[in-house]
């Protein structure tokens, strides 16, 4: 996760400093949507996580899921936005 998400985000934010404000609002929006989907899907047994092969477990309002899922929700959107802005956007 560090190589795929955190490192590119930090490097691109360092090079494009004006991007941080845009990323905060978009990341917060998609994090809220993602956490709602995660909590709903796990509580309705649309998907589930068995075993103990996870780094850790997060529990939010009585719903337990792996910390990897939570980290995905936190780091994926900023990384996608940074990579898009760096490679595809016209930087306006």
Protein backbone atom coordinates (compact mmCIF):
# COMPACT_ATOMS: atom_id res chain seq x y z
CA UNK A 1 0.00 0.00 0.00
CA UNK A 2 2.86 2.35 0.75
CA UNK A 3 4.41 1.84 -2.66
CA UNK A 4 1.17 2.04 -4.61
CA UNK A 5 -0.68 4.78 -2.74
CA UNK A 6 1.23 6.67 -0.09
CA UNK A 7 4.53 7.26 -1.90
CA UNK A 8 3.03 8.60 -5.17
CA UNK A 9 0.62 10.81 -3.23
CA UNK A 10 3.39 12.36 -1.14
CA UNK A 11 5.67 12.92 -4.15
CA UNK A 12 2.96 14.46 -6.31
CA UNK A 13 1.65 16.66 -3.49
CA UNK A 14 5.21 17.87 -2.95
CA UNK A 15 5.50 18.81 -6.63
CA UNK A 16 1.97 20.22 -6.99
CA UNK A 17 1.39 22.00 -3.70
CA UNK A 18 -1.89 23.64 -4.67
CA UNK A 19 -3.56 20.25 -5.00
CA UNK A 20 -3.98 19.56 -1.27
CA UNK A 21 -7.17 21.55 -0.83
CA UNK A 22 -8.86 19.81 -3.74
CA UNK A 23 -7.86 16.40 -2.42
CA UNK A 24 -9.12 16.94 1.13
CA UNK A 25 -12.72 17.60 0.13
CA UNK A 26 -12.90 14.88 -2.51
CA UNK A 27 -11.25 12.33 -0.23
CA UNK A 28 -13.62 13.12 2.63
CA UNK A 29 -16.63 12.75 0.34
CA UNK A 30 -15.56 9.40 -1.06
CA UNK A 31 -14.44 8.16 2.36
CA UNK A 32 -17.91 8.77 3.77
CA UNK A 33 -19.51 6.99 0.82
CA UNK A 34 -17.04 4.12 1.04
CA UNK A 35 -17.46 3.61 4.78
CA UNK A 36 -21.24 3.57 4.38
CA UNK A 37 -20.99 0.92 1.68
CA UNK A 38 -18.52 -1.10 3.75
CA UNK A 39 -20.63 -1.03 6.90
CA UNK A 40 -23.84 -1.81 5.04
CA UNK A 41 -22.36 -4.66 3.01
CA UNK A 42 -20.69 -6.33 5.99
CA UNK A 43 -23.74 -5.99 8.23
CA UNK A 44 -26.01 -7.44 5.52
CA UNK A 45 -23.52 -10.27 4.85
CA UNK A 46 -23.05 -9.22 1.24
CA UNK A 47 -19.39 -9.80 1.98
CA UNK A 48 -17.63 -11.05 5.03
CA UNK A 49 -14.14 -11.58 6.35
CA UNK A 50 -13.26 -14.84 8.03
CA UNK A 51 -10.10 -16.11 9.58
CA UNK A 52 -7.25 -14.33 11.25
CA UNK A 53 -4.98 -13.58 8.28
CA UNK A 54 -5.47 -9.83 8.53
CA UNK A 55 -3.19 -7.17 9.97
CA UNK A 56 -5.86 -6.01 12.35
CA UNK A 57 -9.57 -5.52 12.80
CA UNK A 58 -11.50 -2.23 12.83
CA UNK A 59 -14.85 -2.04 14.59
CA UNK A 60 -17.23 0.79 13.78
CA UNK A 61 -20.73 0.82 15.29
CA UNK A 62 -20.53 -2.89 15.96
CA UNK A 63 -19.39 -3.91 12.47
CA UNK A 64 -15.96 -5.54 12.25
CA UNK A 65 -13.80 -5.59 9.14
CA UNK A 66 -10.05 -5.78 8.38
CA UNK A 67 -7.91 -2.70 8.77
CA UNK A 68 -6.74 -3.22 5.18
CA UNK A 69 -10.22 -2.25 3.98
CA UNK A 70 -10.12 0.88 6.12
CA UNK A 71 -6.68 1.85 4.84
CA UNK A 72 -7.91 1.36 1.27
CA UNK A 73 -10.72 3.82 1.94
CA UNK A 74 -8.29 6.36 3.40
CA UNK A 75 -5.45 6.18 0.85
CA UNK A 76 -6.95 5.10 -2.48
CA UNK A 77 -8.85 8.26 -3.42
CA UNK A 78 -6.00 10.73 -2.71
CA UNK A 79 -3.63 8.53 -4.71
CA UNK A 80 -6.01 8.31 -7.66
CA UNK A 81 -6.59 12.07 -7.67
CA UNK A 82 -2.87 12.83 -7.45
CA UNK A 83 -1.97 10.42 -10.22
CA UNK A 84 -4.75 11.78 -12.44
CA UNK A 85 -3.75 15.39 -11.80
CA UNK A 86 -0.10 14.65 -12.50
CA UNK A 87 -0.52 12.63 -15.69
CA UNK A 88 -3.85 13.50 -17.32
CA UNK A 89 -5.16 16.84 -16.12
CA UNK A 90 -4.29 20.18 -17.68
CA UNK A 91 -3.49 21.55 -14.16
CA UNK A 92 -6.13 24.27 -14.18
